[in-house]
Amino acid sequence: MTTFSNQNVSAGLIKQVVSQIENLEEKKSEILSDIKDVFSEAKSHGLDVGILRKIIKVRKMKDEDD
């Protein structure tokens, strides 16, 4: 959690931070929707979505090891 050393934080700064977070949340929602679409497309091609998720998990673990 972030704490501000100056208790007199301006309203403008608060609005800016809130706006940035809202924009990022919107982008995150769009990306999650895109990922869902890709999984749906993969499933329509006969791929096992569960296996794809496991592959992604393993690859992510390998990246963290490097």
PDB file of N, CA and C in Angstrom:
ATOM      1  N   MET A   1       0.847  -1.178   0.000  1.00  0.00           N
ATOM      2  CA  MET A   1       0.000   0.000   0.000  1.00  0.00           C
ATOM      3  C   MET A   1       0.886   1.233   0.000  1.00  0.00           C
ATOM      4  N   THR A   2       0.554   2.200  -0.802  1.00  0.00           N
ATOM      5  CA  THR A   2       1.331   3.422  -0.898  1.00  0.00           C
ATOM      6  C   THR A   2       0.839   4.429   0.123  1.00  0.00           C
ATOM      7  N   THR A   3       1.763   5.058   0.789  1.00  0.00           N
ATOM      8  CA  THR A   3       1.403   6.145   1.699  1.00  0.00           C
ATOM      9  C   THR A   3       2.069   7.410   1.199  1.00  0.00           C
ATOM     10  N   PHE A   4       1.397   8.503   1.395  1.00  0.00           N
ATOM     11  CA  PHE A   4       1.928   9.791   0.977  1.00  0.00           C
ATOM     12  C   PHE A   4       2.502  10.500   2.195  1.00  0.00           C
ATOM     13  N   SER A   5       3.726  11.005   2.050  1.00  0.00           N
ATOM     14  CA  SER A   5       4.341  11.707   3.168  1.00  0.00           C
ATOM     15  C   SER A   5       3.657  13.043   3.410  1.00  0.00           C
ATOM     16  N   ASN A   6       3.108  13.623   2.350  1.00  0.00           N
ATOM     17  CA  ASN A   6       2.400  14.892   2.474  1.00  0.00           C
ATOM     18  C   ASN A   6       0.903  14.603   2.556  1.00  0.00           C
ATOM     19  N   GLN A   7       0.297  14.928   3.673  1.00  0.00           N
ATOM     20  CA  GLN A   7      -1.120  14.633   3.871  1.00  0.00           C
ATOM     21  C   GLN A   7      -2.024  15.545   3.041  1.00  0.00           C
ATOM     22  N   ASN A   8      -1.467  16.605   2.476  1.00  0.00           N
ATOM     23  CA  ASN A   8      -2.251  17.551   1.681  1.00  0.00           C
ATOM     24  C   ASN A   8      -2.136  17.210   0.200  1.00  0.00           C
ATOM     25  N   VAL A   9      -2.589  16.031  -0.170  1.00  0.00           N
ATOM     26  CA  VAL A   9      -2.543  15.594  -1.559  1.00  0.00           C
ATOM     27  C   VAL A   9      -3.609  16.359  -2.326  1.00  0.00           C
ATOM     28  N   SER A  10      -3.234  16.882  -3.469  1.00  0.00           N
ATOM     29  CA  SER A  10      -4.170  17.696  -4.229  1.00  0.00           C
ATOM     30  C   SER A  10      -5.264  16.844  -4.859  1.00  0.00           C
ATOM     31  N   ALA A  11      -6.418  17.440  -5.027  1.00  0.00           N
ATOM     32  CA  ALA A  11      -7.542  16.767  -5.676  1.00  0.00           C
ATOM     33  C   ALA A  11      -7.173  16.399  -7.106  1.00  0.00           C
ATOM     34  N   GLY A  12      -6.378  17.232  -7.755  1.00  0.00           N
ATOM     35  CA  GLY A  12      -5.947  16.965  -9.129  1.00  0.00           C
ATOM     36  C   GLY A  12      -5.137  15.695  -9.232  1.00  0.00           C
ATOM     37  N   LEU A  13      -4.256  15.481  -8.261  1.00  0.00           N
ATOM     38  CA  LEU A  13      -3.434  14.268  -8.262  1.00  0.00           C
ATOM     39  C   LEU A  13      -4.313  13.044  -8.063  1.00  0.00           C
ATOM     40  N   ILE A  14      -5.262  13.137  -7.153  1.00  0.00           N
ATOM     41  CA  ILE A  14      -6.169  12.019  -6.899  1.00  0.00           C
ATOM     42  C   ILE A  14      -6.964  11.688  -8.154  1.00  0.00           C
ATOM     43  N   LYS A  15      -7.493  12.708  -8.821  1.00  0.00           N
ATOM     44  CA  LYS A  15      -8.250  12.489 -10.059  1.00  0.00           C
ATOM     45  C   LYS A  15      -7.377  11.839 -11.122  1.00  0.00           C
ATOM     46  N   GLN A  16      -6.139  12.294 -11.226  1.00  0.00           N
ATOM     47  CA  GLN A  16      -5.220  11.738 -12.222  1.00  0.00           C
ATOM     48  C   GLN A  16      -4.951  10.258 -11.956  1.00  0.00           C
ATOM     49  N   VAL A  17      -4.668   9.915 -10.714  1.00  0.00           N
ATOM     50  CA  VAL A  17      -4.375   8.532 -10.360  1.00  0.00           C
ATOM     51  C   VAL A  17      -5.599   7.656 -10.599  1.00  0.00           C
ATOM     52  N   VAL A  18      -6.770   8.129 -10.170  1.00  0.00           N
ATOM     53  CA  VAL A  18      -8.007   7.369 -10.367  1.00  0.00           C
ATOM     54  C   VAL A  18      -8.264   7.161 -11.857  1.00  0.00           C
ATOM     55  N   SER A  19      -8.053   8.188 -12.652  1.00  0.00           N
ATOM     56  CA  SER A  19      -8.253   8.095 -14.094  1.00  0.00           C
ATOM     57  C   SER A  19      -7.307   7.067 -14.720  1.00  0.00           C
ATOM     58  N   GLN A  20      -6.055   7.069 -14.306  1.00  0.00           N
ATOM     59  CA  GLN A  20      -5.085   6.108 -14.823  1.00  0.00           C
ATOM     60  C   GLN A  20      -5.505   4.684 -14.476  1.00  0.00           C
ATOM     61  N   ILE A  21      -5.936   4.489 -13.251  1.00  0.00           N
ATOM     62  CA  ILE A  21      -6.358   3.154 -12.830  1.00  0.00           C
ATOM     63  C   ILE A  21      -7.583   2.714 -13.615  1.00  0.00           C
ATOM     64  N   GLU A  22      -8.543   3.614 -13.806  1.00  0.00           N
ATOM     65  CA  GLU A  22      -9.742   3.275 -14.578  1.00  0.00           C
ATOM     66  C   GLU A  22      -9.382   2.899 -16.010  1.00  0.00           C
ATOM     67  N   ASN A  23      -8.466   3.640 -16.621  1.00  0.00           N
ATOM     68  CA  ASN A  23      -8.037   3.335 -17.987  1.00  0.00           C
ATOM     69  C   ASN A  23      -7.365   1.972 -18.064  1.00  0.00           C
ATOM     70  N   LEU A  24      -6.519   1.677 -17.091  1.00  0.00           N
ATOM     71  CA  LEU A  24      -5.844   0.375 -17.070  1.00  0.00           C
ATOM     72  C   LEU A  24      -6.837  -0.757 -16.842  1.00  0.00           C
ATOM     73  N   GLU A  25      -7.822  -0.544 -15.978  1.00  0.00           N
ATOM     74  CA  GLU A  25      -8.850  -1.560 -15.743  1.00  0.00           C
ATOM     75  C   GLU A  25      -9.642  -1.827 -17.027  1.00  0.00           C
ATOM     76  N   GLU A  26      -9.923  -0.774 -17.780  1.00  0.00           N
ATOM     77  CA  GLU A  26     -10.645  -0.937 -19.047  1.00  0.00           C
ATOM     78  C   GLU A  26      -9.813  -1.748 -20.040  1.00  0.00           C
ATOM     79  N   LYS A  27      -8.516  -1.414 -20.128  1.00  0.00           N
ATOM     80  CA  LYS A  27      -7.629  -2.161 -21.019  1.00  0.00           C
ATOM     81  C   LYS A  27      -7.524  -3.611 -20.584  1.00  0.00           C
ATOM     82  N   LYS A  28      -7.445  -3.837 -19.262  1.00  0.00           N
ATOM     83  CA  LYS A  28      -7.354  -5.196 -18.741  1.00  0.00           C
ATOM     84  C   LYS A  28      -8.598  -5.989 -19.129  1.00  0.00           C
ATOM     85  N   SER A  29      -9.752  -5.354 -19.023  1.00  0.00           N
ATOM     86  CA  SER A  29     -11.008  -6.011 -19.381  1.00  0.00           C
ATOM     87  C   SER A  29     -11.024  -6.382 -20.862  1.00  0.00           C
ATOM     88  N   GLU A  30     -10.541  -5.472 -21.701  1.00  0.00           N
ATOM     89  CA  GLU A  30     -10.481  -5.731 -23.136  1.00  0.00           C
ATOM     90  C   GLU A  30      -9.527  -6.885 -23.442  1.00  0.00           C
ATOM     91  N   ILE A  31      -8.388  -6.910 -22.769  1.00  0.00           N
ATOM     92  CA  ILE A  31      -7.407  -7.970 -22.998  1.00  0.00           C
ATOM     93  C   ILE A  31      -7.967  -9.312 -22.553  1.00  0.00           C
ATOM     94  N   LEU A  32      -8.625  -9.343 -21.396  1.00  0.00           N
ATOM     95  CA  LEU A  32      -9.232 -10.587 -20.922  1.00  0.00           C
ATOM     96  C   LEU A  32     -10.282 -11.093 -21.906  1.00  0.00           C
ATOM     97  N   SER A  33     -11.033 -10.170 -22.485  1.00  0.00           N
ATOM     98  CA  SER A  33     -12.025 -10.548 -23.485  1.00  0.00           C
ATOM     99  C   SER A  33     -11.355 -11.118 -24.728  1.00  0.00           C
ATOM    100  N   ASP A  34     -10.250 -10.511 -25.140  1.00  0.00           N
ATOM    101  CA  ASP A  34      -9.497 -11.004 -26.301  1.00  0.00           C
ATOM    102  C   ASP A  34      -8.948 -12.408 -26.043  1.00  0.00           C
ATOM    103  N   ILE A  35      -8.437 -12.625 -24.836  1.00  0.00           N
ATOM    104  CA  ILE A  35      -7.911 -13.946 -24.484  1.00  0.00           C
ATOM    105  C   ILE A  35      -9.026 -14.983 -24.525  1.00  0.00           C
ATOM    106  N   LYS A  36     -10.180 -14.624 -24.003  1.00  0.00           N
ATOM    107  CA  LYS A  36     -11.336 -15.526 -24.022  1.00  0.00           C
ATOM    108  C   LYS A  36     -11.708 -15.878 -25.463  1.00  0.00           C
ATOM    109  N   ASP A  37     -11.672 -14.887 -26.338  1.00  0.00           N
ATOM    110  CA  ASP A  37     -11.983 -15.121 -27.753  1.00  0.00           C
ATOM    111  C   ASP A  37     -10.987 -16.088 -28.396  1.00  0.00           C
ATOM    112  N   VAL A  38      -9.709 -15.934 -28.061  1.00  0.00           N
ATOM    113  CA  VAL A  38      -8.681 -16.816 -28.631  1.00  0.00           C
ATOM    114  C   VAL A  38      -8.892 -18.247 -28.144  1.00  0.00           C
ATOM    115  N   PHE A  39      -9.207 -18.412 -26.868  1.00  0.00           N
ATOM    116  CA  PHE A  39      -9.485 -19.756 -26.357  1.00  0.00           C
ATOM    117  C   PHE A  39     -10.715 -20.350 -27.040  1.00  0.00           C
ATOM    118  N   SER A  40     -11.740 -19.543 -27.261  1.00  0.00           N
ATOM    119  CA  SER A  40     -12.937 -20.028 -27.956  1.00  0.00           C
ATOM    120  C   SER A  40     -12.611 -20.459 -29.372  1.00  0.00           C
ATOM    121  N   GLU A  41     -11.803 -19.677 -30.050  1.00  0.00           N
ATOM    122  CA  GLU A  41     -11.395 -20.020 -31.414  1.00  0.00           C
ATOM    123  C   GLU A  41     -10.582 -21.310 -31.422  1.00  0.00           C
ATOM    124  N   ALA A  42      -9.672 -21.435 -30.448  1.00  0.00           N
ATOM    125  CA  ALA A  42      -8.863 -22.655 -30.356  1.00  0.00           C
ATOM    126  C   ALA A  42      -9.760 -23.867 -30.130  1.00  0.00           C
ATOM    127  N   LYS A  43     -10.749 -23.708 -29.271  1.00  0.00           N
ATOM    128  CA  LYS A  43     -11.684 -24.799 -28.995  1.00  0.00           C
ATOM    129  C   LYS A  43     -12.460 -25.171 -30.252  1.00  0.00           C
ATOM    130  N   SER A  44     -12.848 -24.168 -31.041  1.00  0.00           N
ATOM    131  CA  SER A  44     -13.593 -24.445 -32.269  1.00  0.00           C
ATOM    132  C   SER A  44     -12.747 -25.195 -33.296  1.00  0.00           C
ATOM    133  N   HIS A  45     -11.418 -25.105 -33.146  1.00  0.00           N
ATOM    134  CA  HIS A  45     -10.502 -25.839 -34.023  1.00  0.00           C
ATOM    135  C   HIS A  45     -10.181 -27.219 -33.460  1.00  0.00           C
ATOM    136  N   GLY A  46     -10.822 -27.559 -32.359  1.00  0.00           N
ATOM    137  CA  GLY A  46     -10.641 -28.890 -31.788  1.00  0.00           C
ATOM    138  C   GLY A  46      -9.530 -28.999 -30.760  1.00  0.00           C
ATOM    139  N   LEU A  47      -8.959 -27.891 -30.359  1.00  0.00           N
ATOM    140  CA  LEU A  47      -7.885 -27.935 -29.364  1.00  0.00           C
ATOM    141  C   LEU A  47      -8.475 -28.029 -27.962  1.00  0.00           C
ATOM    142  N   ASP A  48      -7.751 -28.692 -27.074  1.00  0.00           N
ATOM    143  CA  ASP A  48      -8.165 -28.845 -25.685  1.00  0.00           C
ATOM    144  C   ASP A  48      -7.715 -27.605 -24.911  1.00  0.00           C
ATOM    145  N   VAL A  49      -8.680 -26.815 -24.474  1.00  0.00           N
ATOM    146  CA  VAL A  49      -8.382 -25.557 -23.796  1.00  0.00           C
ATOM    147  C   VAL A  49      -7.653 -25.803 -22.471  1.00  0.00           C
ATOM    148  N   GLY A  50      -8.018 -26.862 -21.773  1.00  0.00           N
ATOM    149  CA  GLY A  50      -7.340 -27.189 -20.523  1.00  0.00           C
ATOM    150  C   GLY A  50      -5.862 -27.446 -20.724  1.00  0.00           C
ATOM    151  N   ILE A  51      -5.550 -28.170 -21.788  1.00  0.00           N
ATOM    152  CA  ILE A  51      -4.148 -28.450 -22.110  1.00  0.00           C
ATOM    153  C   ILE A  51      -3.431 -27.160 -22.487  1.00  0.00           C
ATOM    154  N   LEU A  52      -4.082 -26.312 -23.261  1.00  0.00           N
ATOM    155  CA  LEU A  52      -3.468 -25.028 -23.626  1.00  0.00           C
ATOM    156  C   LEU A  52      -3.137 -24.211 -22.376  1.00  0.00           C
ATOM    157  N   ARG A  53      -4.061 -24.186 -21.421  1.00  0.00           N
ATOM    158  CA  ARG A  53      -3.831 -23.440 -20.176  1.00  0.00           C
ATOM    159  C   ARG A  53      -2.636 -24.019 -19.409  1.00  0.00           C
ATOM    160  N   LYS A  54      -2.515 -25.347 -19.394  1.00  0.00           N
ATOM    161  CA  LYS A  54      -1.378 -25.974 -18.718  1.00  0.00           C
ATOM    162  C   LYS A  54      -0.067 -25.631 -19.411  1.00  0.00           C
ATOM    163  N   ILE A  55      -0.074 -25.635 -20.742  1.00  0.00           N
ATOM    164  CA  ILE A  55       1.126 -25.273 -21.501  1.00  0.00           C
ATOM    165  C   ILE A  55       1.548 -23.846 -21.169  1.00  0.00           C
ATOM    166  N   ILE A  56       0.580 -22.949 -21.138  1.00  0.00           N
ATOM    167  CA  ILE A  56       0.870 -21.546 -20.829  1.00  0.00           C
ATOM    168  C   ILE A  56       1.437 -21.416 -19.419  1.00  0.00           C
ATOM    169  N   LYS A  57       0.868 -22.168 -18.481  1.00  0.00           N
ATOM    170  CA  LYS A  57       1.341 -22.136 -17.097  1.00  0.00           C
ATOM    171  C   LYS A  57       2.780 -22.625 -17.005  1.00  0.00           C
ATOM    172  N   VAL A  58       3.103 -23.732 -17.689  1.00  0.00           N
ATOM    173  CA  VAL A  58       4.461 -24.275 -17.671  1.00  0.00           C
ATOM    174  C   VAL A  58       5.435 -23.288 -18.305  1.00  0.00           C
ATOM    175  N   ARG A  59       5.052 -22.718 -19.428  1.00  0.00           N
ATOM    176  CA  ARG A  59       5.941 -21.746 -20.100  1.00  0.00           C
ATOM    177  C   ARG A  59       6.190 -20.531 -19.220  1.00  0.00           C
ATOM    178  N   LYS A  60       5.162 -20.097 -18.504  1.00  0.00           N
ATOM    179  CA  LYS A  60       5.322 -18.953 -17.605  1.00  0.00           C
ATOM    180  C   LYS A  60       6.282 -19.307 -16.474  1.00  0.00           C
ATOM    181  N   MET A  61       6.184 -20.512 -15.950  1.00  0.00           N
ATOM    182  CA  MET A  61       7.081 -20.950 -14.887  1.00  0.00           C
ATOM    183  C   MET A  61       8.520 -20.985 -15.383  1.00  0.00           C
ATOM    184  N   LYS A  62       8.740 -21.441 -16.616  1.00  0.00           N
ATOM    185  CA  LYS A  62      10.087 -21.493 -17.192  1.00  0.00           C
ATOM    186  C   LYS A  62      10.657 -20.088 -17.339  1.00  0.00           C
ATOM    187  N   ASP A  63       9.825 -19.112 -17.744  1.00  0.00           N
ATOM    188  CA  ASP A  63      10.270 -17.735 -17.884  1.00  0.00           C
ATOM    189  C   ASP A  63      10.687 -17.156 -16.542  1.00  0.00           C
ATOM    190  N   GLU A  64       9.980 -17.521 -15.469  1.00  0.00           N
ATOM    191  CA  GLU A  64      10.304 -17.016 -14.140  1.00  0.00           C
ATOM    192  C   GLU A  64      11.616 -17.595 -13.628  1.00  0.00           C
ATOM    193  N   ASP A  65      11.981 -18.791 -14.088  1.00  0.00           N
ATOM    194  CA  ASP A  65      13.211 -19.432 -13.655  1.00  0.00           C
ATOM    195  C   ASP A  65      14.446 -18.741 -14.244  1.00  0.00           C
ATOM    196  N   ASP A  66      14.310 -18.120 -15.393  1.00  0.00           N
ATOM    197  CA  ASP A  66      15.453 -17.493 -16.080  1.00  0.00           C
ATOM    198  C   ASP A  66      15.905 -16.234 -15.405  1.00  0.00           C
TER     199      ASP A  66
END
